[in-house]
N, C-alpha and C. Protein backbone atom coordinates (compact mmCIF):
# COMPACT_ATOMS: atom_id res chain seq x y z
N MET A 1 117.88 173.66 159.01
CA MET A 1 118.12 172.25 159.30
C MET A 1 119.58 172.09 159.77
N ARG A 2 119.73 171.38 160.84
CA ARG A 2 121.08 171.04 161.33
C ARG A 2 121.52 169.68 160.89
N TYR A 3 122.73 169.51 160.59
CA TYR A 3 123.26 168.25 160.18
C TYR A 3 124.15 167.79 161.26
N ARG A 4 124.22 166.38 161.28
CA ARG A 4 125.15 165.75 162.16
C ARG A 4 126.47 165.59 161.43
N VAL A 5 127.52 165.85 162.09
CA VAL A 5 128.83 165.61 161.55
C VAL A 5 129.44 164.27 162.00
N SER A 6 129.76 163.43 161.05
CA SER A 6 130.54 162.15 161.38
C SER A 6 131.86 161.99 160.70
N VAL A 7 132.81 161.93 161.54
CA VAL A 7 134.12 161.78 160.99
C VAL A 7 134.48 160.29 160.77
N THR A 8 134.78 159.96 159.55
CA THR A 8 135.13 158.63 159.13
C THR A 8 136.46 158.02 159.79
N ASP A 9 136.65 156.71 159.84
CA ASP A 9 137.99 156.23 160.42
C ASP A 9 139.04 156.74 159.64
N ARG A 10 139.01 156.89 158.33
CA ARG A 10 140.05 157.42 157.52
C ARG A 10 140.39 158.83 157.91
N ALA A 11 139.41 159.64 158.03
CA ALA A 11 139.69 161.06 158.39
C ALA A 11 140.16 161.10 159.84
N SER A 12 139.75 160.28 160.69
CA SER A 12 140.31 160.26 162.05
C SER A 12 141.77 159.95 162.04
N GLY A 13 142.15 159.04 161.20
CA GLY A 13 143.49 158.68 161.09
C GLY A 13 144.32 159.92 160.59
N ASP A 14 143.68 160.49 159.57
CA ASP A 14 144.38 161.71 158.96
C ASP A 14 144.59 162.71 160.09
N ILE A 15 143.65 163.00 160.95
CA ILE A 15 143.69 164.00 161.89
C ILE A 15 144.80 163.75 162.98
N ARG A 16 144.87 162.39 163.37
CA ARG A 16 145.90 162.01 164.28
C ARG A 16 147.30 162.13 163.56
N GLY A 17 147.49 161.93 162.31
CA GLY A 17 148.69 162.03 161.61
C GLY A 17 149.05 163.53 161.60
N CYS A 18 148.10 164.34 161.20
CA CYS A 18 148.43 165.84 161.35
C CYS A 18 148.91 166.39 162.62
N TYR A 19 148.15 165.97 163.62
CA TYR A 19 148.36 166.33 165.00
C TYR A 19 149.75 165.88 165.41
N GLN A 20 150.12 164.73 165.11
CA GLN A 20 151.50 164.13 165.38
C GLN A 20 152.58 164.93 164.62
N TYR A 21 152.25 165.23 163.39
CA TYR A 21 153.20 166.09 162.53
C TYR A 21 153.52 167.40 163.15
N ILE A 22 152.34 167.98 163.53
CA ILE A 22 152.39 169.40 164.11
C ILE A 22 153.21 169.43 165.45
N ALA A 23 152.80 168.38 166.25
CA ALA A 23 153.56 168.23 167.54
C ALA A 23 155.02 168.12 167.50
N GLN A 24 155.41 167.41 166.32
CA GLN A 24 157.00 167.12 166.07
C GLN A 24 157.55 168.29 165.39
N HIS A 25 156.84 169.00 164.47
CA HIS A 25 157.52 169.88 163.60
C HIS A 25 157.00 171.34 163.65
N GLY A 26 155.79 171.58 164.48
CA GLY A 26 155.33 172.81 164.63
C GLY A 26 154.88 173.34 163.31
N PRO A 27 154.57 174.61 163.07
CA PRO A 27 154.95 175.73 164.04
C PRO A 27 153.71 175.96 164.96
N ALA A 28 152.59 175.41 164.79
CA ALA A 28 151.39 175.57 165.64
C ALA A 28 151.52 174.63 166.97
N ASN A 29 150.78 175.03 167.86
CA ASN A 29 150.52 174.23 169.00
C ASN A 29 149.56 173.10 168.70
N PRO A 30 149.82 172.01 168.74
CA PRO A 30 148.97 170.90 168.25
C PRO A 30 147.48 170.92 168.93
N ASP A 31 147.56 171.23 170.24
CA ASP A 31 146.30 171.20 170.93
C ASP A 31 145.37 172.32 170.50
N SER A 32 145.99 173.54 170.20
CA SER A 32 145.24 174.63 169.66
C SER A 32 144.70 174.36 168.21
N TRP A 33 145.51 173.57 167.57
CA TRP A 33 145.12 173.24 166.11
C TRP A 33 143.99 172.41 166.12
N ILE A 34 144.01 171.41 167.00
CA ILE A 34 142.76 170.47 167.10
C ILE A 34 141.59 171.11 167.53
N ASP A 35 141.69 172.04 168.46
CA ASP A 35 140.58 172.85 168.97
C ASP A 35 139.99 173.53 167.76
N GLY A 36 140.88 174.17 166.99
CA GLY A 36 140.35 175.03 165.79
C GLY A 36 139.72 174.04 164.79
N LEU A 37 140.27 172.95 164.53
CA LEU A 37 139.68 171.96 163.62
C LEU A 37 138.29 171.56 163.95
N GLU A 38 138.24 171.21 165.35
CA GLU A 38 136.83 170.85 165.85
C GLU A 38 135.82 171.89 165.62
N LYS A 39 136.17 173.07 165.80
CA LYS A 39 135.32 174.31 165.65
C LYS A 39 134.85 174.37 164.12
N THR A 40 135.94 174.12 163.30
CA THR A 40 135.65 174.24 161.82
C THR A 40 134.64 173.07 161.43
N LEU A 41 134.86 171.93 162.00
CA LEU A 41 133.92 170.78 161.74
C LEU A 41 132.54 171.12 162.18
N GLU A 42 132.41 171.73 163.40
CA GLU A 42 131.08 172.12 163.95
C GLU A 42 130.41 173.04 163.03
N LEU A 43 131.11 173.89 162.24
CA LEU A 43 130.50 174.75 161.35
C LEU A 43 129.71 173.99 160.20
N LEU A 44 130.12 172.83 160.01
CA LEU A 44 129.50 172.01 158.91
C LEU A 44 128.02 171.60 159.33
N GLU A 45 127.75 171.79 160.65
CA GLU A 45 126.46 171.42 161.06
C GLU A 45 125.31 172.33 160.43
N VAL A 46 125.65 173.45 159.95
CA VAL A 46 124.82 174.44 159.31
C VAL A 46 125.19 174.76 157.99
N PHE A 47 124.32 174.47 157.00
CA PHE A 47 124.45 174.67 155.61
C PHE A 47 125.95 174.30 155.02
N PRO A 48 126.18 173.04 155.10
CA PRO A 48 127.48 172.61 154.52
C PRO A 48 127.62 172.74 153.14
N GLN A 49 126.42 172.82 152.37
CA GLN A 49 126.36 173.04 150.95
C GLN A 49 127.19 174.41 150.52
N ARG A 50 127.34 175.33 151.49
CA ARG A 50 128.02 176.54 151.16
C ARG A 50 129.43 176.26 150.64
N CYS A 51 130.09 175.30 151.11
CA CYS A 51 131.39 174.91 150.75
C CYS A 51 131.49 174.34 149.34
N GLY A 52 132.46 174.77 148.58
CA GLY A 52 132.53 174.37 147.05
C GLY A 52 132.80 172.84 146.97
N THR A 53 132.65 172.47 145.72
CA THR A 53 132.93 171.07 145.39
C THR A 53 134.45 170.90 145.16
N ALA A 54 134.95 169.85 145.72
CA ALA A 54 136.37 169.50 145.49
C ALA A 54 136.78 168.95 144.09
N PRO A 55 137.87 169.20 143.74
CA PRO A 55 138.25 168.81 142.33
C PRO A 55 138.06 167.10 142.25
N GLU A 56 138.33 166.56 143.38
CA GLU A 56 138.27 165.13 143.35
C GLU A 56 136.85 164.54 143.20
N SER A 57 135.87 165.39 143.22
CA SER A 57 134.46 165.03 143.06
C SER A 57 134.13 164.38 141.74
N ARG A 58 134.92 164.84 140.71
CA ARG A 58 134.58 164.43 139.36
C ARG A 58 134.93 162.95 139.16
N HIS A 59 135.74 162.48 140.03
CA HIS A 59 136.09 161.00 139.98
C HIS A 59 135.35 160.16 141.10
N ALA A 60 134.80 160.75 141.98
CA ALA A 60 134.29 159.96 143.05
C ALA A 60 132.88 159.44 142.78
N ARG A 61 132.41 158.47 143.63
CA ARG A 61 131.10 157.96 143.50
C ARG A 61 130.03 158.93 144.18
N VAL A 62 130.44 159.86 144.94
CA VAL A 62 129.54 160.83 145.59
C VAL A 62 130.17 162.20 145.40
N GLU A 63 129.29 163.30 145.40
CA GLU A 63 129.74 164.60 145.41
C GLU A 63 130.56 164.97 146.72
N ILE A 64 131.75 165.40 146.37
CA ILE A 64 132.68 165.76 147.50
C ILE A 64 132.77 167.29 147.69
N HIS A 65 132.73 167.72 148.83
CA HIS A 65 132.84 169.08 148.92
C HIS A 65 134.13 169.31 149.85
N GLN A 66 134.61 170.59 149.84
CA GLN A 66 135.75 170.86 150.65
C GLN A 66 135.66 172.26 151.34
N THR A 67 136.26 172.19 152.52
CA THR A 67 136.49 173.54 153.18
C THR A 67 137.96 173.36 153.80
N PHE A 68 138.40 174.57 154.21
CA PHE A 68 139.83 174.66 154.53
C PHE A 68 139.98 175.17 156.05
N TYR A 69 140.99 174.72 156.60
CA TYR A 69 141.38 175.18 157.95
C TYR A 69 142.95 175.12 157.98
N THR A 70 143.59 176.22 158.31
CA THR A 70 144.93 176.50 158.29
C THR A 70 145.91 175.66 157.48
N GLY A 71 145.44 175.78 156.26
CA GLY A 71 146.24 175.18 155.11
C GLY A 71 145.87 173.70 154.85
N PHE A 72 144.85 173.30 155.57
CA PHE A 72 144.43 171.76 155.42
C PHE A 72 143.11 171.83 154.66
N ARG A 73 142.88 170.88 153.80
CA ARG A 73 141.63 170.66 153.03
C ARG A 73 140.91 169.55 153.96
N ILE A 74 139.67 169.85 154.00
CA ILE A 74 138.68 169.00 154.75
C ILE A 74 137.78 168.49 153.63
N LEU A 75 137.79 167.27 153.27
CA LEU A 75 136.79 166.68 152.22
C LEU A 75 135.68 165.98 152.83
N PHE A 76 134.49 166.25 152.44
CA PHE A 76 133.38 165.69 153.02
C PHE A 76 132.25 165.60 151.96
N ALA A 77 131.29 164.61 152.34
CA ALA A 77 130.15 164.29 151.57
C ALA A 77 128.91 164.61 152.43
N ILE A 78 127.74 165.04 151.84
CA ILE A 78 126.57 165.17 152.51
C ILE A 78 125.57 164.05 152.06
N ARG A 79 125.02 163.32 152.93
CA ARG A 79 124.04 162.42 152.75
C ARG A 79 122.92 162.54 153.68
N GLU A 80 121.69 162.93 153.13
CA GLU A 80 120.47 163.30 153.86
C GLU A 80 120.77 164.38 154.99
N ASP A 81 120.77 163.95 156.25
CA ASP A 81 121.14 164.99 157.29
C ASP A 81 122.42 164.68 158.06
N VAL A 82 123.38 164.06 157.28
CA VAL A 82 124.65 163.73 157.82
C VAL A 82 125.79 164.18 156.90
N VAL A 83 126.74 164.93 157.41
CA VAL A 83 128.00 165.23 156.83
C VAL A 83 129.03 164.30 157.21
N PHE A 84 129.51 163.65 156.30
CA PHE A 84 130.68 162.55 156.51
C PHE A 84 131.93 163.21 156.08
N VAL A 85 132.74 163.43 157.04
CA VAL A 85 134.18 163.92 156.88
C VAL A 85 134.92 162.74 156.44
N LEU A 86 135.40 162.82 155.19
CA LEU A 86 136.02 161.64 154.43
C LEU A 86 137.61 161.70 154.58
N HIS A 87 138.18 162.92 154.54
CA HIS A 87 139.62 162.89 154.44
C HIS A 87 140.14 164.33 154.84
N VAL A 88 141.24 164.48 155.49
CA VAL A 88 141.90 165.73 155.89
C VAL A 88 143.30 165.64 155.35
N ARG A 89 143.61 166.54 154.52
CA ARG A 89 145.04 166.51 153.94
C ARG A 89 145.49 167.96 153.70
N HIS A 90 146.75 168.14 153.76
CA HIS A 90 147.46 169.39 153.72
C HIS A 90 147.15 169.99 152.31
N GLY A 91 146.89 171.14 152.23
CA GLY A 91 146.40 171.82 150.85
C GLY A 91 147.58 171.88 150.07
N ALA A 92 148.91 171.80 150.46
CA ALA A 92 150.06 171.70 149.58
C ALA A 92 150.25 170.46 148.77
N ARG A 93 149.48 169.29 149.23
CA ARG A 93 149.69 168.08 148.58
C ARG A 93 148.81 168.16 147.26
N ARG A 94 149.31 167.29 146.37
CA ARG A 94 148.52 167.18 145.10
C ARG A 94 147.09 166.75 145.33
N PHE A 95 146.16 166.95 144.39
CA PHE A 95 144.86 166.44 144.56
C PHE A 95 144.94 164.88 144.46
N MET A 96 143.98 164.24 144.99
CA MET A 96 143.99 162.83 145.02
C MET A 96 143.92 162.23 143.54
N THR A 97 144.43 161.14 143.41
CA THR A 97 144.37 160.39 142.09
C THR A 97 142.91 159.99 141.86
N ARG A 98 142.68 159.60 140.61
CA ARG A 98 141.38 159.20 140.21
C ARG A 98 141.04 157.84 141.04
N LYS A 99 142.04 156.95 141.32
CA LYS A 99 141.74 155.84 142.04
C LYS A 99 141.42 156.22 143.52
N GLU A 100 142.13 157.01 144.14
CA GLU A 100 141.91 157.39 145.53
C GLU A 100 140.51 158.23 145.67
N ALA A 101 140.21 158.93 144.72
CA ALA A 101 138.95 159.64 144.77
C ALA A 101 137.68 158.67 144.67
N LYS A 102 137.95 157.63 143.84
CA LYS A 102 136.82 156.74 143.60
C LYS A 102 136.51 155.82 144.99
N GLU A 103 137.70 155.82 145.73
CA GLU A 103 137.51 155.03 147.00
C GLU A 103 136.71 155.92 148.11
N LEU A 104 136.96 157.12 147.87
CA LEU A 104 136.18 158.03 148.96
C LEU A 104 134.62 157.77 148.91
N GLY A 105 134.13 157.72 150.04
CA GLY A 105 132.61 157.58 150.15
C GLY A 105 132.12 156.29 149.71
N SER A 106 132.97 155.28 149.59
CA SER A 106 132.51 153.91 149.18
C SER A 106 131.93 153.25 150.44
């Protein structure tokens, strides 16, 4: 079964912010970074359940999975045949608060 990957508005904003940060501060080429991120998201089309459950899942309304790309955590939920990318954040950041996690997937 193939899944459709849908990037939420919040995750799109996260990606734009990451791109801008990388463009200003490096060390990666932001265009190469975005190409790699898109390839990582495409991998979610096949068996997204292979990715582990995110710690934030225990506080969220839906089960949240995570995968990683160059130090960034990609948080997503699976509903029927769609993978919803909910949030992209640097892996060095603290886990989301209980309140933030509850807002994911709403």
